[in-house]
mmCIF file of all heavy atoms, coordinates in Angstrom:
data_MODEL
# 
_entry.id   MODEL 
# 
loop_
_atom_site.group_PDB 
_atom_site.id 
_atom_site.type_symbol 
_atom_site.label_atom_id 
_atom_site.label_alt_id 
_atom_site.label_comp_id 
_atom_site.label_asym_id 
_atom_site.label_entity_id 
_atom_site.label_seq_id 
_atom_site.pdbx_PDB_ins_code 
_atom_site.Cartn_x 
_atom_site.Cartn_y 
_atom_site.Cartn_z 
_atom_site.occupancy 
_atom_site.B_iso_or_equiv 
_atom_site.pdbx_formal_charge 
_atom_site.auth_seq_id 
_atom_site.auth_comp_id 
_atom_site.auth_asym_id 
_atom_site.auth_atom_id 
_atom_site.pdbx_PDB_model_num 
ATOM 1   N N   . SER A 1 1  ? 110.047 83.549 -7.617 1.00 0.00 ? 1  SER A N   1 
ATOM 2   C CA  . SER A 1 1  ? 111.037 82.808 -6.853 1.00 0.00 ? 1  SER A CA  1 
ATOM 3   C C   . SER A 1 1  ? 111.024 83.174 -5.373 1.00 0.00 ? 1  SER A C   1 
ATOM 4   O O   . SER A 1 1  ? 111.713 82.537 -4.574 1.00 0.00 ? 1  SER A O   1 
ATOM 5   C CB  . SER A 1 1  ? 112.434 83.047 -7.428 1.00 0.00 ? 1  SER A CB  1 
ATOM 6   O OG  . SER A 1 1  ? 112.766 84.419 -7.337 1.00 0.00 ? 1  SER A OG  1 
ATOM 7   N N   . MET A 1 2  ? 110.254 84.183 -4.969 1.00 0.00 ? 2  MET A N   1 
ATOM 8   C CA  . MET A 1 2  ? 110.230 84.603 -3.576 1.00 0.00 ? 2  MET A CA  1 
ATOM 9   C C   . MET A 1 2  ? 109.065 83.984 -2.805 1.00 0.00 ? 2  MET A C   1 
ATOM 10  O O   . MET A 1 2  ? 108.892 84.285 -1.618 1.00 0.00 ? 2  MET A O   1 
ATOM 11  C CB  . MET A 1 2  ? 110.135 86.125 -3.497 1.00 0.00 ? 2  MET A CB  1 
ATOM 12  C CG  . MET A 1 2  ? 111.301 86.831 -4.172 1.00 0.00 ? 2  MET A CG  1 
ATOM 13  S SD  . MET A 1 2  ? 112.900 86.291 -3.522 1.00 0.00 ? 2  MET A SD  1 
ATOM 14  C CE  . MET A 1 2  ? 112.791 86.887 -1.848 1.00 0.00 ? 2  MET A CE  1 
ATOM 15  N N   . TYR A 1 3  ? 108.270 83.141 -3.416 1.00 0.00 ? 3  TYR A N   1 
ATOM 16  C CA  . TYR A 1 3  ? 107.069 82.611 -2.777 1.00 0.00 ? 3  TYR A CA  1 
ATOM 17  C C   . TYR A 1 3  ? 107.233 81.162 -2.344 1.00 0.00 ? 3  TYR A C   1 
ATOM 18  O O   . TYR A 1 3  ? 107.827 80.350 -3.054 1.00 0.00 ? 3  TYR A O   1 
ATOM 19  C CB  . TYR A 1 3  ? 105.886 82.692 -3.728 1.00 0.00 ? 3  TYR A CB  1 
ATOM 20  C CG  . TYR A 1 3  ? 105.384 84.091 -4.006 1.00 0.00 ? 3  TYR A CG  1 
ATOM 21  C CD1 . TYR A 1 3  ? 105.904 84.835 -5.053 1.00 0.00 ? 3  TYR A CD1 1 
ATOM 22  C CD2 . TYR A 1 3  ? 104.393 84.668 -3.214 1.00 0.00 ? 3  TYR A CD2 1 
ATOM 23  C CE1 . TYR A 1 3  ? 105.457 86.118 -5.317 1.00 0.00 ? 3  TYR A CE1 1 
ATOM 24  C CE2 . TYR A 1 3  ? 103.941 85.940 -3.474 1.00 0.00 ? 3  TYR A CE2 1 
ATOM 25  C CZ  . TYR A 1 3  ? 104.470 86.662 -4.515 1.00 0.00 ? 3  TYR A CZ  1 
ATOM 26  O OH  . TYR A 1 3  ? 104.024 87.928 -4.769 1.00 0.00 ? 3  TYR A OH  1 
ATOM 27  N N   . THR A 1 4  ? 106.649 80.837 -1.203 1.00 0.00 ? 4  THR A N   1 
ATOM 28  C CA  . THR A 1 4  ? 106.344 79.451 -0.877 1.00 0.00 ? 4  THR A CA  1 
ATOM 29  C C   . THR A 1 4  ? 105.193 79.038 -1.777 1.00 0.00 ? 4  THR A C   1 
ATOM 30  O O   . THR A 1 4  ? 104.219 79.780 -1.936 1.00 0.00 ? 4  THR A O   1 
ATOM 31  C CB  . THR A 1 4  ? 105.905 79.321 0.594  1.00 0.00 ? 4  THR A CB  1 
ATOM 32  O OG1 . THR A 1 4  ? 107.034 79.526 1.443  1.00 0.00 ? 4  THR A OG1 1 
ATOM 33  C CG2 . THR A 1 4  ? 105.318 77.952 0.865  1.00 0.00 ? 4  THR A CG2 1 
ATOM 34  N N   . MET A 1 5  ? 105.288 77.851 -2.362 1.00 0.00 ? 5  MET A N   1 
ATOM 35  C CA  . MET A 1 5  ? 104.224 77.346 -3.224 1.00 0.00 ? 5  MET A CA  1 
ATOM 36  C C   . MET A 1 5  ? 103.675 76.050 -2.636 1.00 0.00 ? 5  MET A C   1 
ATOM 37  O O   . MET A 1 5  ? 104.422 75.273 -2.020 1.00 0.00 ? 5  MET A O   1 
ATOM 38  C CB  . MET A 1 5  ? 104.759 77.091 -4.633 1.00 0.00 ? 5  MET A CB  1 
ATOM 39  C CG  . MET A 1 5  ? 105.330 78.321 -5.324 1.00 0.00 ? 5  MET A CG  1 
ATOM 40  S SD  . MET A 1 5  ? 104.099 79.610 -5.592 1.00 0.00 ? 5  MET A SD  1 
ATOM 41  C CE  . MET A 1 5  ? 102.969 78.773 -6.718 1.00 0.00 ? 5  MET A CE  1 
ATOM 42  N N   . ALA A 1 6  ? 102.399 75.819 -2.849 1.00 0.00 ? 6  ALA A N   1 
ATOM 43  C CA  . ALA A 1 6  ? 101.769 74.628 -2.295 1.00 0.00 ? 6  ALA A CA  1 
ATOM 44  C C   . ALA A 1 6  ? 100.628 74.165 -3.189 1.00 0.00 ? 6  ALA A C   1 
ATOM 45  O O   . ALA A 1 6  ? 100.135 74.920 -4.035 1.00 0.00 ? 6  ALA A O   1 
ATOM 46  C CB  . ALA A 1 6  ? 101.249 74.909 -0.887 1.00 0.00 ? 6  ALA A CB  1 
ATOM 47  N N   . TRP A 1 7  ? 100.229 72.936 -2.974 1.00 0.00 ? 7  TRP A N   1 
ATOM 48  C CA  . TRP A 1 7  ? 99.015  72.390 -3.577 1.00 0.00 ? 7  TRP A CA  1 
ATOM 49  C C   . TRP A 1 7  ? 98.059  72.017 -2.448 1.00 0.00 ? 7  TRP A C   1 
ATOM 50  O O   . TRP A 1 7  ? 98.485  71.440 -1.430 1.00 0.00 ? 7  TRP A O   1 
ATOM 51  C CB  . TRP A 1 7  ? 99.328  71.151 -4.402 1.00 0.00 ? 7  TRP A CB  1 
ATOM 52  C CG  . TRP A 1 7  ? 100.052 71.416 -5.674 1.00 0.00 ? 7  TRP A CG  1 
ATOM 53  C CD1 . TRP A 1 7  ? 101.409 71.409 -5.866 1.00 0.00 ? 7  TRP A CD1 1 
ATOM 54  C CD2 . TRP A 1 7  ? 99.478  71.713 -6.950 1.00 0.00 ? 7  TRP A CD2 1 
ATOM 55  N NE1 . TRP A 1 7  ? 101.695 71.691 -7.175 1.00 0.00 ? 7  TRP A NE1 1 
ATOM 56  C CE2 . TRP A 1 7  ? 100.537 71.877 -7.869 1.00 0.00 ? 7  TRP A CE2 1 
ATOM 57  C CE3 . TRP A 1 7  ? 98.168  71.846 -7.419 1.00 0.00 ? 7  TRP A CE3 1 
ATOM 58  C CZ2 . TRP A 1 7  ? 100.328 72.179 -9.211 1.00 0.00 ? 7  TRP A CZ2 1 
ATOM 59  C CZ3 . TRP A 1 7  ? 97.953  72.146 -8.747 1.00 0.00 ? 7  TRP A CZ3 1 
ATOM 60  C CH2 . TRP A 1 7  ? 99.025  72.307 -9.636 1.00 0.00 ? 7  TRP A CH2 1 
ATOM 61  N N   . PHE A 1 8  ? 96.810  72.349 -2.654 1.00 0.00 ? 8  PHE A N   1 
ATOM 62  C CA  . PHE A 1 8  ? 95.730  71.929 -1.780 1.00 0.00 ? 8  PHE A CA  1 
ATOM 63  C C   . PHE A 1 8  ? 94.702  71.193 -2.650 1.00 0.00 ? 8  PHE A C   1 
ATOM 64  O O   . PHE A 1 8  ? 94.691  71.329 -3.872 1.00 0.00 ? 8  PHE A O   1 
ATOM 65  C CB  . PHE A 1 8  ? 95.062  73.134 -1.103 1.00 0.00 ? 8  PHE A CB  1 
ATOM 66  C CG  . PHE A 1 8  ? 95.879  73.739 -0.002 1.00 0.00 ? 8  PHE A CG  1 
ATOM 67  C CD1 . PHE A 1 8  ? 96.971  74.553 -0.290 1.00 0.00 ? 8  PHE A CD1 1 
ATOM 68  C CD2 . PHE A 1 8  ? 95.571  73.500 1.326  1.00 0.00 ? 8  PHE A CD2 1 
ATOM 69  C CE1 . PHE A 1 8  ? 97.745  75.114 0.730  1.00 0.00 ? 8  PHE A CE1 1 
ATOM 70  C CE2 . PHE A 1 8  ? 96.325  74.062 2.354  1.00 0.00 ? 8  PHE A CE2 1 
ATOM 71  C CZ  . PHE A 1 8  ? 97.412  74.859 2.048  1.00 0.00 ? 8  PHE A CZ  1 
ATOM 72  N N   . ARG A 1 9  ? 93.836  70.440 -1.995 1.00 0.00 ? 9  ARG A N   1 
ATOM 73  C CA  . ARG A 1 9  ? 92.767  69.780 -2.725 1.00 0.00 ? 9  ARG A CA  1 
ATOM 74  C C   . ARG A 1 9  ? 91.480  69.823 -1.922 1.00 0.00 ? 9  ARG A C   1 
ATOM 75  O O   . ARG A 1 9  ? 91.509  69.937 -0.695 1.00 0.00 ? 9  ARG A O   1 
ATOM 76  C CB  . ARG A 1 9  ? 93.141  68.341 -3.063 1.00 0.00 ? 9  ARG A CB  1 
ATOM 77  C CG  . ARG A 1 9  ? 93.277  67.424 -1.870 1.00 0.00 ? 9  ARG A CG  1 
ATOM 78  C CD  . ARG A 1 9  ? 93.778  66.049 -2.313 1.00 0.00 ? 9  ARG A CD  1 
ATOM 79  N NE  . ARG A 1 9  ? 93.892  65.125 -1.195 1.00 0.00 ? 9  ARG A NE  1 
ATOM 80  C CZ  . ARG A 1 9  ? 94.401  63.901 -1.297 1.00 0.00 ? 9  ARG A CZ  1 
ATOM 81  N NH1 . ARG A 1 9  ? 94.844  63.459 -2.471 1.00 0.00 ? 9  ARG A NH1 1 
ATOM 82  N NH2 . ARG A 1 9  ? 94.465  63.124 -0.232 1.00 0.00 ? 9  ARG A NH2 1 
ATOM 83  N N   . GLN A 1 10 ? 90.378  69.751 -2.640 1.00 0.00 ? 10 GLN A N   1 
ATOM 84  C CA  . GLN A 1 10 ? 89.072  69.739 -1.991 1.00 0.00 ? 10 GLN A CA  1 
ATOM 85  C C   . GLN A 1 10 ? 88.181  68.751 -2.713 1.00 0.00 ? 10 GLN A C   1 
ATOM 86  O O   . GLN A 1 10 ? 87.847  68.937 -3.882 1.00 0.00 ? 10 GLN A O   1 
ATOM 87  C CB  . GLN A 1 10 ? 88.455  71.136 -2.014 1.00 0.00 ? 10 GLN A CB  1 
ATOM 88  C CG  . GLN A 1 10 ? 87.184  71.246 -1.198 1.00 0.00 ? 10 GLN A CG  1 
ATOM 89  C CD  . GLN A 1 10 ? 86.798  72.689 -0.935 1.00 0.00 ? 10 GLN A CD  1 
ATOM 90  O OE1 . GLN A 1 10 ? 87.278  73.616 -1.589 1.00 0.00 ? 10 GLN A OE1 1 
ATOM 91  N NE2 . GLN A 1 10 ? 85.932  72.897 0.035  1.00 0.00 ? 10 GLN A NE2 1 
ATOM 92  N N   . GLY A 1 11 ? 87.831  67.689 -1.985 1.00 0.00 ? 11 GLY A N   1 
ATOM 93  C CA  . GLY A 1 11 ? 86.945  66.686 -2.533 1.00 0.00 ? 11 GLY A CA  1 
ATOM 94  C C   . GLY A 1 11 ? 85.495  67.030 -2.282 1.00 0.00 ? 11 GLY A C   1 
ATOM 95  O O   . GLY A 1 11 ? 85.191  67.942 -1.499 1.00 0.00 ? 11 GLY A O   1 
ATOM 96  N N   . PRO A 1 12 ? 84.569  66.296 -2.903 1.00 0.00 ? 12 PRO A N   1 
ATOM 97  C CA  . PRO A 1 12 ? 83.135  66.569 -2.724 1.00 0.00 ? 12 PRO A CA  1 
ATOM 98  C C   . PRO A 1 12 ? 82.727  66.485 -1.256 1.00 0.00 ? 12 PRO A C   1 
ATOM 99  O O   . PRO A 1 12 ? 82.978  65.473 -0.598 1.00 0.00 ? 12 PRO A O   1 
ATOM 100 C CB  . PRO A 1 12 ? 82.467  65.459 -3.547 1.00 0.00 ? 12 PRO A CB  1 
ATOM 101 C CG  . PRO A 1 12 ? 83.521  64.991 -4.501 1.00 0.00 ? 12 PRO A CG  1 
ATOM 102 C CD  . PRO A 1 12 ? 84.832  65.169 -3.799 1.00 0.00 ? 12 PRO A CD  1 
ATOM 103 N N   . GLY A 1 13 ? 82.133  67.543 -0.756 1.00 0.00 ? 13 GLY A N   1 
ATOM 104 C CA  . GLY A 1 13 ? 81.667  67.557 0.616  1.00 0.00 ? 13 GLY A CA  1 
ATOM 105 C C   . GLY A 1 13 ? 82.761  67.601 1.664  1.00 0.00 ? 13 GLY A C   1 
ATOM 106 O O   . GLY A 1 13 ? 82.493  67.366 2.849  1.00 0.00 ? 13 GLY A O   1 
ATOM 107 N N   . LYS A 1 14 ? 83.979  67.890 1.246  1.00 0.00 ? 14 LYS A N   1 
ATOM 108 C CA  . LYS A 1 14 ? 85.102  67.911 2.190  1.00 0.00 ? 14 LYS A CA  1 
ATOM 109 C C   . LYS A 1 14 ? 85.709  69.305 2.286  1.00 0.00 ? 14 LYS A C   1 
ATOM 110 O O   . LYS A 1 14 ? 85.512  70.141 1.414  1.00 0.00 ? 14 LYS A O   1 
ATOM 111 C CB  . LYS A 1 14 ? 86.180  66.914 1.757  1.00 0.00 ? 14 LYS A CB  1 
ATOM 112 C CG  . LYS A 1 14 ? 85.729  65.478 1.726  1.00 0.00 ? 14 LYS A CG  1 
ATOM 113 C CD  . LYS A 1 14 ? 86.876  64.579 1.313  1.00 0.00 ? 14 LYS A CD  1 
ATOM 114 C CE  . LYS A 1 14 ? 86.461  63.116 1.275  1.00 0.00 ? 14 LYS A CE  1 
ATOM 115 N NZ  . LYS A 1 14 ? 87.575  62.231 0.861  1.00 0.00 ? 14 LYS A NZ  1 
ATOM 116 N N   . GLU A 1 15 ? 86.463  69.534 3.347  1.00 0.00 ? 15 GLU A N   1 
ATOM 117 C CA  . GLU A 1 15 ? 87.184  70.787 3.491  1.00 0.00 ? 15 GLU A CA  1 
ATOM 118 C C   . GLU A 1 15 ? 88.449  70.744 2.629  1.00 0.00 ? 15 GLU A C   1 
ATOM 119 O O   . GLU A 1 15 ? 88.962  69.678 2.288  1.00 0.00 ? 15 GLU A O   1 
ATOM 120 C CB  . GLU A 1 15 ? 87.556  71.015 4.953  1.00 0.00 ? 15 GLU A CB  1 
ATOM 121 C CG  . GLU A 1 15 ? 86.358  71.243 5.854  1.00 0.00 ? 15 GLU A CG  1 
ATOM 122 C CD  . GLU A 1 15 ? 86.762  71.620 7.266  1.00 0.00 ? 15 GLU A CD  1 
ATOM 123 O OE1 . GLU A 1 15 ? 87.976  71.620 7.564  1.00 0.00 ? 15 GLU A OE1 1 
ATOM 124 O OE2 . GLU A 1 15 ? 85.870  71.931 8.064  1.00 0.00 ? 15 GLU A OE2 1 
ATOM 125 N N   . ARG A 1 16 ? 88.946  71.936 2.309  1.00 0.00 ? 16 ARG A N   1 
ATOM 126 C CA  . ARG A 1 16 ? 90.187  72.015 1.553  1.00 0.00 ? 16 ARG A CA  1 
ATOM 127 C C   . ARG A 1 16 ? 91.328  71.496 2.425  1.00 0.00 ? 16 ARG A C   1 
ATOM 128 O O   . ARG A 1 16 ? 91.439  71.868 3.599  1.00 0.00 ? 16 ARG A O   1 
ATOM 129 C CB  . ARG A 1 16 ? 90.439  73.464 1.135  1.00 0.00 ? 16 ARG A CB  1 
ATOM 130 C CG  . ARG A 1 16 ? 91.571  73.625 0.140  1.00 0.00 ? 16 ARG A CG  1 
ATOM 131 C CD  . ARG A 1 16 ? 91.560  74.999 -0.493 1.00 0.00 ? 16 ARG A CD  1 
ATOM 132 N NE  . ARG A 1 16 ? 90.371  75.205 -1.321 1.00 0.00 ? 16 ARG A NE  1 
ATOM 133 C CZ  . ARG A 1 16 ? 90.217  76.229 -2.141 1.00 0.00 ? 16 ARG A CZ  1 
ATOM 134 N NH1 . ARG A 1 16 ? 91.165  77.162 -2.234 1.00 0.00 ? 16 ARG A NH1 1 
ATOM 135 N NH2 . ARG A 1 16 ? 89.124  76.359 -2.852 1.00 0.00 ? 16 ARG A NH2 1 
ATOM 136 N N   . GLU A 1 17 ? 92.176  70.641 1.865  1.00 0.00 ? 17 GLU A N   1 
ATOM 137 C CA  . GLU A 1 17 ? 93.262  70.067 2.640  1.00 0.00 ? 17 GLU A CA  1 
ATOM 138 C C   . GLU A 1 17 ? 94.611  70.245 1.949  1.00 0.00 ? 17 GLU A C   1 
ATOM 139 O O   . GLU A 1 17 ? 94.709  70.249 0.718  1.00 0.00 ? 17 GLU A O   1 
ATOM 140 C CB  . GLU A 1 17 ? 93.017  68.572 2.910  1.00 0.00 ? 17 GLU A CB  1 
ATOM 141 C CG  . GLU A 1 17 ? 93.037  67.697 1.679  1.00 0.00 ? 17 GLU A CG  1 
ATOM 142 C CD  . GLU A 1 17 ? 92.996  66.212 2.015  1.00 0.00 ? 17 GLU A CD  1 
ATOM 143 O OE1 . GLU A 1 17 ? 93.233  65.840 3.180  1.00 0.00 ? 17 GLU A OE1 1 
ATOM 144 O OE2 . GLU A 1 17 ? 92.733  65.421 1.090  1.00 0.00 ? 17 GLU A OE2 1 
ATOM 145 N N   . PHE A 1 18 ? 95.625  70.375 2.784  1.00 0.00 ? 18 PHE A N   1 
ATOM 146 C CA  . PHE A 1 18 ? 96.998  70.523 2.336  1.00 0.00 ? 18 PHE A CA  1 
ATOM 147 C C   . PHE A 1 18 ? 97.483  69.241 1.668  1.00 0.00 ? 18 PHE A C   1 
ATOM 148 O O   . PHE A 1 18 ? 97.173  68.130 2.122  1.00 0.00 ? 18 PHE A O   1 
ATOM 149 C CB  . PHE A 1 18 ? 97.875  70.851 3.552  1.00 0.00 ? 18 PHE A CB  1 
ATOM 150 C CG  . PHE A 1 18 ? 99.347  70.805 3.300  1.00 0.00 ? 18 PHE A CG  1 
ATOM 151 C CD1 . PHE A 1 18 ? 99.997  71.879 2.723  1.00 0.00 ? 18 PHE A CD1 1 
ATOM 152 C CD2 . PHE A 1 18 ? 100.083 69.685 3.655  1.00 0.00 ? 18 PHE A CD2 1 
ATOM 153 C CE1 . PHE A 1 18 ? 101.365 71.845 2.509  1.00 0.00 ? 18 PHE A CE1 1 
ATOM 154 C CE2 . PHE A 1 18 ? 101.451 69.639 3.447  1.00 0.00 ? 18 PHE A CE2 1 
ATOM 155 C CZ  . PHE A 1 18 ? 102.097 70.717 2.867  1.00 0.00 ? 18 PHE A CZ  1 
ATOM 156 N N   . VAL A 1 19 ? 98.263  69.390 0.601  1.00 0.00 ? 19 VAL A N   1 
ATOM 157 C CA  . VAL A 1 19 ? 98.861  68.236 -0.073 1.00 0.00 ? 19 VAL A CA  1 
ATOM 158 C C   . VAL A 1 19 ? 100.382 68.306 0.091  1.00 0.00 ? 19 VAL A C   1 
ATOM 159 O O   . VAL A 1 19 ? 100.925 67.558 0.880  1.00 0.00 ? 19 VAL A O   1 
ATOM 160 C CB  . VAL A 1 19 ? 98.397  68.119 -1.539 1.00 0.00 ? 19 VAL A CB  1 
ATOM 161 C CG1 . VAL A 1 19 ? 98.930  66.845 -2.177 1.00 0.00 ? 19 VAL A CG1 1 
ATOM 162 C CG2 . VAL A 1 19 ? 96.859  68.121 -1.630 1.00 0.00 ? 19 VAL A CG2 1 
ATOM 163 N N   . PRO A 1 20 ? 101.150 69.178 -0.662 1.00 0.00 ? 20 PRO A N   1 
ATOM 164 C CA  . PRO A 1 20 ? 102.540 69.431 -0.369 1.00 0.00 ? 20 PRO A CA  1 
ATOM 165 C C   . PRO A 1 20 ? 102.862 70.930 -0.494 1.00 0.00 ? 20 PRO A C   1 
ATOM 166 O O   . PRO A 1 20 ? 102.076 71.688 -1.055 1.00 0.00 ? 20 PRO A O   1 
ATOM 167 C CB  . PRO A 1 20 ? 103.288 68.681 -1.475 1.00 0.00 ? 20 PRO A CB  1 
ATOM 168 C CG  . PRO A 1 20 ? 102.350 68.824 -2.663 1.00 0.00 ? 20 PRO A CG  1 
ATOM 169 C CD  . PRO A 1 20 ? 100.983 69.165 -2.103 1.00 0.00 ? 20 PRO A CD  1 
ATOM 170 N N   . ALA A 1 21 ? 103.995 71.311 0.034  1.00 0.00 ? 21 ALA A N   1 
ATOM 171 C CA  . ALA A 1 21 ? 104.509 72.672 -0.121 1.00 0.00 ? 21 ALA A CA  1 
ATOM 172 C C   . ALA A 1 21 ? 105.997 72.605 -0.451 1.00 0.00 ? 21 ALA A C   1 
ATOM 173 O O   . ALA A 1 21 ? 106.651 71.599 -0.162 1.00 0.00 ? 21 ALA A O   1 
ATOM 174 C CB  . ALA A 1 21 ? 104.296 73.491 1.159  1.00 0.00 ? 21 ALA A CB  1 
ATOM 175 N N   . ILE A 1 22 ? 106.503 73.687 -1.037 1.00 0.00 ? 22 ILE A N   1 
ATOM 176 C CA  . ILE A 1 22 ? 107.904 73.747 -1.421 1.00 0.00 ? 22 ILE A CA  1 
ATOM 177 C C   . ILE A 1 22 ? 108.434 75.138 -1.138 1.00 0.00 ? 22 ILE A C   1 
ATOM 178 O O   . ILE A 1 22 ? 107.721 76.139 -1.279 1.00 0.00 ? 22 ILE A O   1 
ATOM 179 C CB  . ILE A 1 22 ? 108.061 73.373 -2.920 1.00 0.00 ? 22 ILE A CB  1 
ATOM 180 C CG1 . ILE A 1 22 ? 109.529 73.191 -3.308 1.00 0.00 ? 22 ILE A CG1 1 
ATOM 181 C CG2 . ILE A 1 22 ? 107.377 74.397 -3.826 1.00 0.00 ? 22 ILE A CG2 1 
ATOM 182 C CD1 . ILE A 1 22 ? 109.709 72.503 -4.667 1.00 0.00 ? 22 ILE A CD1 1 
ATOM 183 N N   . THR A 1 23 ? 109.688 75.209 -0.709 1.00 0.00 ? 23 THR A N   1 
ATOM 184 C CA  . THR A 1 23 ? 110.285 76.504 -0.404 1.00 0.00 ? 23 THR A CA  1 
ATOM 185 C C   . THR A 1 23 ? 110.486 77.340 -1.663 1.00 0.00 ? 23 THR A C   1 
ATOM 186 O O   . THR A 1 23 ? 110.448 76.820 -2.780 1.00 0.00 ? 23 THR A O   1 
ATOM 187 C CB  . THR A 1 23 ? 111.656 76.334 0.266  1.00 0.00 ? 23 THR A CB  1 
ATOM 188 O OG1 . THR A 1 23 ? 112.485 75.530 -0.599 1.00 0.00 ? 23 THR A OG1 1 
ATOM 189 C CG2 . THR A 1 23 ? 111.532 75.674 1.618  1.00 0.00 ? 23 THR A CG2 1 
ATOM 190 N N   . TYR A 1 24 ? 110.761 78.639 -1.446 1.00 0.00 ? 24 TYR A N   1 
ATOM 191 C CA  . TYR A 1 24 ? 110.957 79.543 -2.581 1.00 0.00 ? 24 TYR A CA  1 
ATOM 192 C C   . TYR A 1 24 ? 112.106 79.084 -3.469 1.00 0.00 ? 24 TYR A C   1 
ATOM 193 O O   . TYR A 1 24 ? 112.088 79.283 -4.680 1.00 0.00 ? 24 TYR A O   1 
ATOM 194 C CB  . TYR A 1 24 ? 111.200 80.966 -2.080 1.00 0.00 ? 24 TYR A CB  1 
ATOM 195 C CG  . TYR A 1 24 ? 112.511 81.154 -1.360 1.00 0.00 ? 24 TYR A CG  1 
ATOM 196 C CD1 . TYR A 1 24 ? 113.639 81.600 -2.043 1.00 0.00 ? 24 TYR A CD1 1 
ATOM 197 C CD2 . TYR A 1 24 ? 112.628 80.897 0.002  1.00 0.00 ? 24 TYR A CD2 1 
ATOM 198 C CE1 . TYR A 1 24 ? 114.840 81.774 -1.392 1.00 0.00 ? 24 TYR A CE1 1 
ATOM 199 C CE2 . TYR A 1 24 ? 113.827 81.068 0.656  1.00 0.00 ? 24 TYR A CE2 1 
ATOM 200 C CZ  . TYR A 1 24 ? 114.935 81.495 -0.045 1.00 0.00 ? 24 TYR A CZ  1 
ATOM 201 O OH  . TYR A 1 24 ? 116.121 81.674 0.614  1.00 0.00 ? 24 TYR A OH  1 
ATOM 202 N N   . SER A 1 25 ? 113.109 78.415 -2.897 1.00 0.00 ? 25 SER A N   1 
ATOM 203 C CA  . SER A 1 25 ? 114.267 77.976 -3.671 1.00 0.00 ? 25 SER A CA  1 
ATOM 204 C C   . SER A 1 25 ? 114.083 76.592 -4.276 1.00 0.00 ? 25 SER A C   1 
ATOM 205 O O   . SER A 1 25 ? 114.869 76.165 -5.120 1.00 0.00 ? 25 SER A O   1 
ATOM 206 C CB  . SER A 1 25 ? 115.509 77.964 -2.782 1.00 0.00 ? 25 SER A CB  1 
ATOM 207 O OG  . SER A 1 25 ? 115.379 76.964 -1.788 1.00 0.00 ? 25 SER A OG  1 
ATOM 208 N N   . GLY A 1 26 ? 113.067 75.884 -3.792 1.00 0.00 ? 26 GLY A N   1 
ATOM 209 C CA  . GLY A 1 26 ? 112.870 74.502 -4.236 1.00 0.00 ? 26 GLY A CA  1 
ATOM 210 C C   . GLY A 1 26 ? 113.732 73.503 -3.495 1.00 0.00 ? 26 GLY A C   1 
ATOM 211 O O   . GLY A 1 26 ? 113.736 72.316 -3.805 1.00 0.00 ? 26 GLY A O   1 
ATOM 212 N N   . GLY A 1 27 ? 114.442 73.966 -2.469 1.00 0.00 ? 27 GLY A N   1 
ATOM 213 C CA  . GLY A 1 27 ? 115.379 73.099 -1.791 1.00 0.00 ? 27 GLY A CA  1 
ATOM 214 C C   . GLY A 1 27 ? 114.784 72.207 -0.720 1.00 0.00 ? 27 GLY A C   1 
ATOM 215 O O   . GLY A 1 27 ? 115.439 71.287 -0.241 1.00 0.00 ? 27 GLY A O   1 
ATOM 216 N N   . SER A 1 28 ? 113.535 72.471 -0.328 1.00 0.00 ? 28 SER A N   1 
ATOM 217 C CA  . SER A 1 28 ? 112.909 71.676 0.732  1.00 0.00 ? 28 SER A CA  1 
ATOM 218 C C   . SER A 1 28 ? 111.418 71.535 0.450  1.00 0.00 ? 28 SER A C   1 
ATOM 219 O O   . SER A 1 28 ? 110.794 72.454 -0.089 1.00 0.00 ? 28 SER A O   1 
ATOM 220 C CB  . SER A 1 28 ? 113.122 72.347 2.090  1.00 0.00 ? 28 SER A CB  1 
ATOM 221 O OG  . SER A 1 28 ? 112.600 71.558 3.129  1.00 0.00 ? 28 SER A OG  1 
# 
């Protein structure tokens, strides 16, 4: 519960890119 969590993605031949992030509380 103390971590920022996020998803990233990496397509073929592409750099890893940010998708979404969420606060430790889930409020934002």
